[in-house]
């Protein structure tokens, strides 16, 4: 990984999760000199939940993943990097089925217990011979670190991304560790990248799904890099139950709120890391919307601002052009009143009641925009609805990366 994003964060120390063993191998999907297949073995009794892209041109991996997640149990995860295997018809499905069958035979489980994700170029079938050899190598490989696994699932990512959190369920401490990849083709429509969270907690699959869906709404579905939702987006949570806690089956159970908070925390950490590695990104942008008619309306308005090329390029150029924020609010298609609208950068209000504030001084705003972490506030003055979304600026780097993506 070269040309690391200036917004990168060091890879944290992640705990080992009992019942989870990651390994990597080289399947040679591309000519790069690196491992590109990740295999994670999960102990018997592991439950699973998932959220997936709503892109109707999704990959076979997403289709099969949805079906398997509905069954609630898992024994393994395989992630292929360099080839998304999307829009590849029956040949793409055969490749995924082959991987599931190969791993299932090794573990003595059913193919539906094996989850497969692929990421990379769209429209090229995953080569079955390379997949077979890569899986065989991974099955025989020594266990690897979380950081190595995070590096291996990446494509245009410039740094490995991981996060951890923990919770107390009764008197038992449970651990969560997560890795994620994502840099471009990032927009919410449930998930926006490939992310995997592992925990030693014992949780019933239906409750785990409920918890992940709730966490997703507050994290992965609140980030955008370029407004494009991938064909392969997947986030999975695997719970091995090895911590020995009394299994959670309902949000009314003691410790359920604590685990939900821990899951919310790790999901938000991972989501922010994706934005910080946005292709060509130089600035991390938080957009807080208040005073909307509903939370849903606030989120749509926030995303309208976050996805505006004019807003994003103004931030890239460190230009305090708050009129572009006004424009983006107005085009969102949500209730807004020009004469009640207020806009701020950091803690400085630049416009209120539909006008520039009398004391407006651009100097402190310009100084804020020269930093890496940018905060924009929008208050509509209409109600109690609120939401926060996160994005990055739009630079020449984004164009360079994507113009040459297949070269």
Protein backbone atom coordinates (compact mmCIF):
# COMPACT_ATOMS: atom_id res chain seq x y z
CA UNK A 1 0.00 0.00 0.00
CA UNK A 2 1.59 3.29 -1.13
CA UNK A 3 0.61 6.96 -1.00
CA UNK A 4 -1.11 6.52 2.33
CA UNK A 5 -4.04 8.85 2.91
CA UNK A 6 -3.12 11.91 5.01
CA UNK A 7 -6.23 11.08 7.06
CA UNK A 8 -5.04 7.54 7.87
CA UNK A 9 -5.12 6.11 11.36
CA UNK A 10 -2.62 3.54 12.72
CA UNK A 11 -3.89 -0.01 12.84
CA UNK A 12 -4.95 -0.67 16.44
CA UNK A 13 -4.12 -3.65 18.63
CA UNK A 14 -7.07 -5.98 18.12
CA UNK A 15 -7.82 -8.79 20.55
CA UNK A 16 -7.81 -12.42 19.52
CA UNK A 17 -11.40 -13.64 19.34
CA UNK A 18 -11.90 -17.16 20.64
CA UNK A 19 -13.27 -19.37 17.88
CA UNK A 20 -11.93 -17.16 15.06
CA UNK A 21 -8.80 -18.01 13.03
CA UNK A 22 -7.78 -15.77 10.08
CA UNK A 23 -5.40 -16.92 7.33
CA UNK A 24 -4.34 -15.41 3.99
CA UNK A 25 -2.96 -16.72 0.72
CA UNK A 26 -2.08 -15.63 -2.80
CA UNK A 27 -4.61 -16.59 -5.47
CA UNK A 28 -2.96 -14.40 -8.13
CA UNK A 29 -6.22 -12.74 -9.17
CA UNK A 30 -4.10 -9.82 -10.40
CA UNK A 31 -0.41 -9.36 -11.16
CA UNK A 32 0.21 -7.62 -7.84
CA UNK A 33 2.87 -9.00 -5.51
CA UNK A 34 0.68 -9.57 -2.47
CA UNK A 35 -1.81 -11.93 -0.84
CA UNK A 36 -5.33 -11.48 -2.18
CA UNK A 37 -7.43 -14.20 -0.55
CA UNK A 38 -8.49 -14.12 3.09
CA UNK A 39 -9.90 -17.16 4.86
CA UNK A 40 -11.41 -16.96 8.35
CA UNK A 41 -12.35 -20.18 10.09
CA UNK A 42 -15.15 -19.99 12.67
CA UNK A 43 -15.91 -22.47 15.43
CA UNK A 44 -19.01 -24.61 15.45
CA UNK A 45 -22.03 -22.83 16.89
CA UNK A 46 -21.11 -19.42 15.42
CA UNK A 47 -24.12 -17.24 14.63
CA UNK A 48 -24.13 -14.60 11.90
CA UNK A 49 -25.99 -11.50 10.74
CA UNK A 50 -25.48 -9.39 7.64
CA UNK A 51 -26.42 -6.25 5.81
CA UNK A 52 -25.95 -6.02 2.07
CA UNK A 53 -26.05 -3.61 -0.84
CA UNK A 54 -29.38 -2.71 -2.38
CA UNK A 55 -27.75 -2.23 -5.77
CA UNK A 56 -29.95 -4.34 -8.09
CA UNK A 57 -26.88 -5.31 -10.14
CA UNK A 58 -25.33 -7.02 -7.12
CA UNK A 59 -22.91 -9.92 -7.23
CA UNK A 60 -23.64 -13.61 -6.71
CA UNK A 61 -21.70 -13.34 -3.45
CA UNK A 62 -24.29 -10.84 -2.18
CA UNK A 63 -27.24 -12.94 -3.33
CA UNK A 64 -25.89 -16.10 -1.72
CA UNK A 65 -24.77 -14.19 1.36
CA UNK A 66 -28.29 -12.91 1.96
CA UNK A 67 -29.67 -16.43 1.71
CA UNK A 68 -27.05 -17.87 4.07
CA UNK A 69 -27.32 -15.03 6.60
CA UNK A 70 -31.04 -15.73 6.88
CA UNK A 71 -30.14 -19.20 8.17
CA UNK A 72 -28.17 -17.62 11.01
CA UNK A 73 -25.10 -19.88 11.23
CA UNK A 74 -21.55 -19.74 9.88
CA UNK A 75 -18.30 -21.74 9.82
CA UNK A 76 -16.09 -19.75 7.45
CA UNK A 77 -15.52 -16.57 5.49
CA UNK A 78 -13.57 -16.21 2.22
CA UNK A 79 -12.77 -12.78 0.77
CA UNK A 80 -11.32 -12.39 -2.73
CA UNK A 81 -9.57 -9.11 -3.60
CA UNK A 82 -9.01 -7.80 -7.12
CA UNK A 83 -12.12 -9.20 -8.80
CA UNK A 84 -15.68 -8.35 -7.72
CA UNK A 85 -17.19 -11.26 -9.69
CA UNK A 86 -20.24 -9.02 -10.25
CA UNK A 87 -22.22 -9.04 -13.50
CA UNK A 88 -20.68 -12.37 -14.47
CA UNK A 89 -23.74 -14.61 -14.88
CA UNK A 90 -23.64 -18.36 -14.27
CA UNK A 91 -19.83 -18.48 -14.43
CA UNK A 92 -19.61 -16.16 -11.46
CA UNK A 93 -22.07 -18.25 -9.47
CA UNK A 94 -20.19 -21.46 -10.28
CA UNK A 95 -17.00 -19.93 -8.87
CA UNK A 96 -18.70 -19.00 -5.60
CA UNK A 97 -20.36 -22.42 -5.30
CA UNK A 98 -16.99 -24.05 -5.91
CA UNK A 99 -15.41 -22.07 -3.06
CA UNK A 100 -18.28 -22.90 -0.70
CA UNK A 101 -18.11 -26.60 -1.59
CA UNK A 102 -14.32 -26.71 -1.20
CA UNK A 103 -14.33 -25.10 2.24
CA UNK A 104 -17.39 -27.07 3.39
CA UNK A 105 -15.67 -30.33 2.49
CA UNK A 106 -12.63 -29.27 4.50
CA UNK A 107 -14.66 -28.31 7.56
CA UNK A 108 -17.35 -30.95 7.32
CA UNK A 109 -20.14 -28.36 7.23
CA UNK A 110 -22.80 -27.37 4.70
CA UNK A 111 -21.92 -24.97 1.86
CA UNK A 112 -24.42 -22.43 3.21
CA UNK A 113 -22.23 -22.09 6.31
CA UNK A 114 -19.49 -20.57 4.12
CA UNK A 115 -19.68 -16.87 3.28
CA UNK A 116 -17.86 -15.45 0.27
CA UNK A 117 -17.17 -11.83 -0.67
CA UNK A 118 -15.30 -10.50 -3.68
CA UNK A 119 -14.13 -6.98 -4.46
CA UNK A 120 -12.47 -5.35 -7.44
CA UNK A 121 -13.22 -4.99 -11.14
CA UNK A 122 -16.83 -5.58 -12.24
CA UNK A 123 -17.69 -7.81 -15.19
CA UNK A 124 -14.83 -10.32 -15.05
CA UNK A 125 -15.73 -13.84 -13.84
CA UNK A 126 -13.71 -15.01 -10.86
CA UNK A 127 -11.22 -17.54 -12.30
CA UNK A 128 -12.15 -20.88 -10.78
CA UNK A 129 -8.69 -22.40 -11.10
CA UNK A 130 -7.06 -19.52 -9.24
CA UNK A 131 -9.81 -19.55 -6.62
CA UNK A 132 -9.39 -23.28 -6.05
CA UNK A 133 -5.63 -23.00 -5.66
CA UNK A 134 -5.93 -19.90 -3.48
CA UNK A 135 -8.43 -21.53 -1.13
CA UNK A 136 -6.26 -24.66 -0.89
CA UNK A 137 -3.25 -22.51 0.03
CA UNK A 138 -5.26 -20.60 2.62
CA UNK A 139 -6.56 -23.78 4.25
CA UNK A 140 -2.97 -24.91 4.76
CA UNK A 141 -1.58 -21.52 5.79
CA UNK A 142 -0.51 -20.50 9.28
CA UNK A 143 -2.87 -18.17 11.17
CA UNK A 144 -2.18 -14.49 10.53
CA UNK A 145 -2.67 -11.20 12.35
CA UNK A 146 -5.74 -9.03 12.05
CA UNK A 147 -3.64 -6.38 10.33
CA UNK A 148 -2.49 -8.85 7.67
CA UNK A 149 -6.09 -9.92 7.08
CA UNK A 150 -7.15 -6.27 6.79
CA UNK A 151 -4.39 -5.55 4.28
CA UNK A 152 -5.33 -8.59 2.20
CA UNK A 153 -9.01 -7.66 1.70
CA UNK A 154 -8.07 -4.20 0.35
CA UNK A 155 -8.04 -2.97 -3.25
CA UNK A 156 -7.49 0.77 -3.69
CA UNK A 157 -7.26 1.16 0.09
CA UNK A 158 -4.14 3.01 1.22
CA UNK A 159 -4.06 1.71 4.79
CA UNK A 160 -5.32 -1.30 6.73
CA UNK A 161 -8.44 -0.59 8.76
CA UNK A 162 -9.45 -2.19 12.03
CA UNK A 163 -11.32 -1.39 15.24
CA UNK A 164 -12.24 -2.97 18.54
CA UNK A 165 -14.74 -2.54 21.36
CA UNK A 166 -16.01 -4.55 24.31
CA UNK A 167 -19.02 -4.95 26.57
CA UNK A 168 -20.09 -6.58 29.81
CA UNK A 169 -22.90 -9.12 29.57
CA UNK A 170 -23.76 -9.99 33.13
CA UNK A 171 -20.39 -10.61 34.72
CA UNK A 172 -18.76 -11.67 31.45
CA UNK A 173 -16.61 -9.40 29.31
CA UNK A 174 -17.09 -9.93 25.58
CA UNK A 175 -14.73 -8.65 22.89
CA UNK A 176 -15.37 -7.36 19.38
CA UNK A 177 -12.78 -7.01 16.61
CA UNK A 178 -13.48 -5.73 13.12
CA UNK A 179 -11.71 -5.15 9.81
CA UNK A 180 -13.01 -3.30 6.78
CA UNK A 181 -12.04 -2.29 3.26
CA UNK A 182 -13.38 0.60 1.27
CA UNK A 183 -12.08 3.70 -0.45
CA UNK A 184 -14.23 4.43 -3.49
CA UNK A 185 -17.70 3.49 -4.76
CA UNK A 186 -18.91 4.43 -1.29
CA UNK A 187 -22.48 5.60 -0.67
CA UNK A 188 -25.11 4.45 1.78
CA UNK A 189 -27.72 1.96 0.77
CA UNK A 190 -26.73 -0.39 3.28
CA UNK A 191 -23.42 -1.24 3.39
CA UNK A 192 -20.84 0.64 1.50
CA UNK A 193 -17.81 -1.62 1.44
CA UNK A 194 -16.74 -5.02 2.80
CA UNK A 195 -16.68 -5.15 6.60
CA UNK A 196 -16.39 -8.05 9.04
CA UNK A 197 -16.89 -7.97 12.79
CA UNK A 198 -16.09 -10.89 15.06
CA UNK A 199 -17.15 -11.33 18.67
CA UNK A 200 -16.91 -14.07 21.27
CA UNK A 201 -20.35 -13.17 22.64
CA UNK A 202 -23.22 -15.67 22.55
CA UNK A 203 -26.12 -14.05 20.71
CA UNK A 204 -29.13 -15.55 18.95
CA UNK A 205 -29.00 -14.84 15.19
CA UNK A 206 -32.33 -12.99 15.10
CA UNK A 207 -31.20 -10.58 17.79
CA UNK A 208 -27.77 -10.20 16.19
CA UNK A 209 -29.48 -9.22 12.94
CA UNK A 210 -31.67 -6.72 14.76
CA UNK A 211 -28.63 -5.19 16.43
CA UNK A 212 -26.56 -4.98 13.24
CA UNK A 213 -29.40 -3.42 11.28
CA UNK A 214 -29.77 -0.77 13.97
CA UNK A 215 -26.02 -0.10 14.12
CA UNK A 216 -25.83 0.13 10.34
CA UNK A 217 -28.41 2.92 10.21
CA UNK A 218 -26.21 5.05 12.46
CA UNK A 219 -22.87 4.27 10.81
CA UNK A 220 -22.33 2.63 7.42
CA UNK A 221 -25.51 4.13 6.03
CA UNK A 222 -24.38 7.60 7.08
CA UNK A 223 -21.14 7.76 5.09
CA UNK A 224 -20.45 8.65 1.48
CA UNK A 225 -17.34 9.23 -0.58
CA UNK A 226 -18.69 9.59 -4.10
CA UNK A 227 -22.45 8.76 -4.05
CA UNK A 228 -21.88 5.41 -5.83
CA UNK A 229 -23.21 2.26 -4.13
CA UNK A 230 -21.14 -0.83 -4.92
CA UNK A 231 -22.44 -4.07 -6.38
CA UNK A 232 -20.66 -6.03 -3.63
CA UNK A 233 -21.26 -4.12 -0.38
CA UNK A 234 -21.44 -6.43 2.61
CA UNK A 235 -21.09 -6.18 6.38
CA UNK A 236 -21.19 -9.38 8.42
CA UNK A 237 -21.06 -9.97 12.17
CA UNK A 238 -19.99 -13.38 13.47
CA UNK A 239 -20.61 -14.36 17.11
CA UNK A 240 -18.80 -17.49 18.28
CA UNK A 241 -20.33 -17.70 21.76
CA UNK A 242 -16.95 -18.67 23.25
CA UNK A 243 -17.02 -15.98 25.94
CA UNK A 244 -19.45 -18.11 27.90
CA UNK A 245 -22.05 -15.43 28.64
CA UNK A 246 -25.70 -16.30 29.07
CA UNK A 247 -26.87 -16.13 25.44
CA UNK A 248 -28.67 -12.95 24.45
CA UNK A 249 -32.00 -13.58 22.73
CA UNK A 250 -33.86 -10.30 23.29
CA UNK A 251 -33.10 -6.62 23.79
CA UNK A 252 -34.75 -7.05 27.18
CA UNK A 253 -31.97 -9.39 28.33
CA UNK A 254 -29.39 -7.98 30.79
CA UNK A 255 -26.35 -6.85 28.84
CA UNK A 256 -28.13 -6.47 25.50
CA UNK A 257 -27.98 -2.67 25.65
CA UNK A 258 -24.29 -2.82 26.48
CA UNK A 259 -23.55 -5.08 23.53
CA UNK A 260 -25.63 -2.86 21.23
CA UNK A 261 -23.56 0.13 22.34
CA UNK A 262 -20.33 -1.76 21.68
CA UNK A 263 -21.54 -2.83 18.24
CA UNK A 264 -22.63 0.73 17.46
CA UNK A 265 -19.18 1.95 18.51
CA UNK A 266 -17.16 -0.47 16.39
CA UNK A 267 -19.39 0.08 13.35
CA UNK A 268 -18.96 3.85 13.60
CA UNK A 269 -15.19 3.51 14.01
CA UNK A 270 -14.98 1.34 10.90
CA UNK A 271 -17.29 3.62 8.90
CA UNK A 272 -15.15 6.65 9.71
CA UNK A 273 -12.01 4.81 8.61
CA UNK A 274 -13.54 4.20 5.18
CA UNK A 275 -14.22 7.91 4.75
CA UNK A 276 -10.71 8.73 5.93
CA UNK A 277 -9.42 6.56 3.09
CA UNK A 278 -11.75 8.05 0.49
CA UNK A 279 -10.02 8.01 -2.87
CA UNK A 280 -7.95 11.18 -3.14
CA UNK A 281 -9.29 12.48 0.18
CA UNK A 282 -7.45 15.25 2.00
CA UNK A 283 -10.18 16.24 4.47
CA UNK A 284 -12.66 14.38 6.70
CA UNK A 285 -16.02 16.17 6.80
CA UNK A 286 -18.77 15.86 9.39
CA UNK A 287 -22.18 17.32 8.51
CA UNK A 288 -24.65 17.73 11.37
CA UNK A 289 -28.24 18.53 10.48
CA UNK A 290 -30.69 19.71 13.14
CA UNK A 291 -34.16 21.22 13.17
CA UNK A 292 -35.53 19.00 10.40
CA UNK A 293 -39.09 17.67 10.32
CA UNK A 294 -37.80 14.15 11.03
CA UNK A 295 -34.57 12.22 11.47
CA UNK A 296 -35.05 10.64 8.04
CA UNK A 297 -35.45 14.06 6.45
CA UNK A 298 -32.35 15.31 8.25
CA UNK A 299 -30.33 12.37 6.94
CA UNK A 300 -31.43 13.01 3.34
CA UNK A 301 -30.48 16.66 3.64
CA UNK A 302 -27.13 15.76 5.16
CA UNK A 303 -26.39 13.35 2.34
CA UNK A 304 -27.40 15.95 -0.24
CA UNK A 305 -24.74 18.24 1.19
CA UNK A 306 -22.22 15.42 1.54
CA UNK A 307 -22.67 14.25 -2.05
CA UNK A 308 -22.56 17.69 -3.66
CA UNK A 309 -19.50 17.96 -5.94
CA UNK A 310 -19.60 21.72 -5.47
CA UNK A 311 -19.53 21.49 -1.69
CA UNK A 312 -16.81 18.82 -1.75
CA UNK A 313 -14.58 20.74 -4.16
CA UNK A 314 -15.04 23.96 -2.18
CA UNK A 315 -13.80 22.12 0.91
CA UNK A 316 -10.90 20.71 -1.10
CA UNK A 317 -10.00 24.24 -2.15
CA UNK A 318 -10.46 25.56 1.40
CA UNK A 319 -13.04 27.98 0.08
CA UNK A 320 -15.62 29.20 2.64
CA UNK A 321 -18.38 29.16 0.02
CA UNK A 322 -21.34 28.47 2.30
CA UNK A 323 -23.75 29.31 -0.50
CA UNK A 324 -23.05 25.87 -1.93
CA UNK A 325 -24.32 24.32 1.32
CA UNK A 326 -27.51 26.35 0.98
CA UNK A 327 -27.88 25.05 -2.58
CA UNK A 328 -27.43 21.44 -1.50
CA UNK A 329 -30.02 21.79 1.26
CA UNK A 330 -32.49 23.28 -1.19
CA UNK A 331 -32.08 20.53 -3.79
CA UNK A 332 -32.57 17.67 -1.31
CA UNK A 333 -36.32 17.49 -1.92
CA UNK A 334 -37.04 17.71 1.81
CA UNK A 335 -38.96 20.38 3.76
CA UNK A 336 -36.85 23.52 4.22
CA UNK A 337 -37.58 27.21 4.67
CA UNK A 338 -35.05 29.61 3.23
CA UNK A 339 -35.86 32.25 5.86
CA UNK A 340 -35.32 29.84 8.79
CA UNK A 341 -32.19 28.17 7.51
CA UNK A 342 -28.90 28.56 9.39
CA UNK A 343 -25.42 27.35 8.35
CA UNK A 344 -22.24 27.06 10.40
CA UNK A 345 -18.65 25.98 9.88
CA UNK A 346 -17.13 24.54 13.04
CA UNK A 347 -18.80 26.62 15.79
CA UNK A 348 -19.14 29.80 13.75
CA UNK A 349 -22.55 30.61 12.29
CA UNK A 350 -22.13 32.13 8.85
CA UNK A 351 -25.82 32.45 7.96
CA UNK A 352 -29.02 32.62 10.00
CA UNK A 353 -32.64 33.38 9.17
CA UNK A 354 -31.86 33.15 5.48
CA UNK A 355 -29.10 35.77 5.53
CA UNK A 356 -25.40 36.09 6.18
CA UNK A 357 -24.87 37.00 9.83
CA UNK A 358 -24.07 40.67 10.43
CA UNK A 359 -20.83 39.80 12.20
CA UNK A 360 -19.67 37.35 9.53
CA UNK A 361 -15.88 37.15 9.40
CA UNK A 362 -14.48 34.74 6.84
CA UNK A 363 -11.01 34.58 8.40
CA UNK A 364 -11.77 32.01 11.16
CA UNK A 365 -13.80 29.93 8.69
CA UNK A 366 -10.90 29.86 6.25
CA UNK A 367 -8.59 28.87 9.08
CA UNK A 368 -10.90 25.97 9.99
CA UNK A 369 -10.98 24.79 6.37
CA UNK A 370 -7.20 24.56 6.30
CA UNK A 371 -7.39 21.73 8.82
CA UNK A 372 -8.03 18.06 8.09
CA UNK A 373 -11.23 17.62 10.14
CA UNK A 374 -14.03 19.85 8.87
CA UNK A 375 -17.38 20.37 10.61
CA UNK A 376 -20.45 21.79 8.88
CA UNK A 377 -23.75 22.44 10.63
CA UNK A 378 -27.20 22.95 9.12
CA UNK A 379 -30.21 23.97 11.20
CA UNK A 380 -33.56 24.07 9.43
CA UNK A 381 -35.62 25.53 12.27
CA UNK A 382 -38.60 23.31 11.47
CA UNK A 383 -38.66 20.49 14.01
CA UNK A 384 -36.72 18.04 16.15
CA UNK A 385 -35.25 15.85 13.41
CA UNK A 386 -31.49 15.45 13.43
CA UNK A 387 -28.79 13.35 11.76
CA UNK A 388 -25.04 13.32 11.26
CA UNK A 389 -23.31 12.09 8.11
CA UNK A 390 -19.67 11.89 7.14
CA UNK A 391 -17.85 12.38 3.85
CA UNK A 392 -14.56 13.60 2.41
CA UNK A 393 -13.51 16.25 -0.05
CA UNK A 394 -13.29 15.72 -3.82
CA UNK A 395 -9.83 16.22 -5.29
CA UNK A 396 -7.91 15.59 -8.49
CA UNK A 397 -6.67 12.42 -6.82
CA UNK A 398 -10.12 10.84 -7.08
CA UNK A 399 -10.15 11.39 -10.83
CA UNK A 400 -6.64 10.00 -11.28
CA UNK A 401 -7.37 6.83 -9.29
CA UNK A 402 -10.60 6.04 -11.10
CA UNK A 403 -9.51 7.06 -14.58
CA UNK A 404 -6.71 4.50 -14.33
CA UNK A 405 -8.51 1.86 -12.25
CA UNK A 406 -8.26 -0.96 -14.82
CA UNK A 407 -4.87 0.03 -16.21
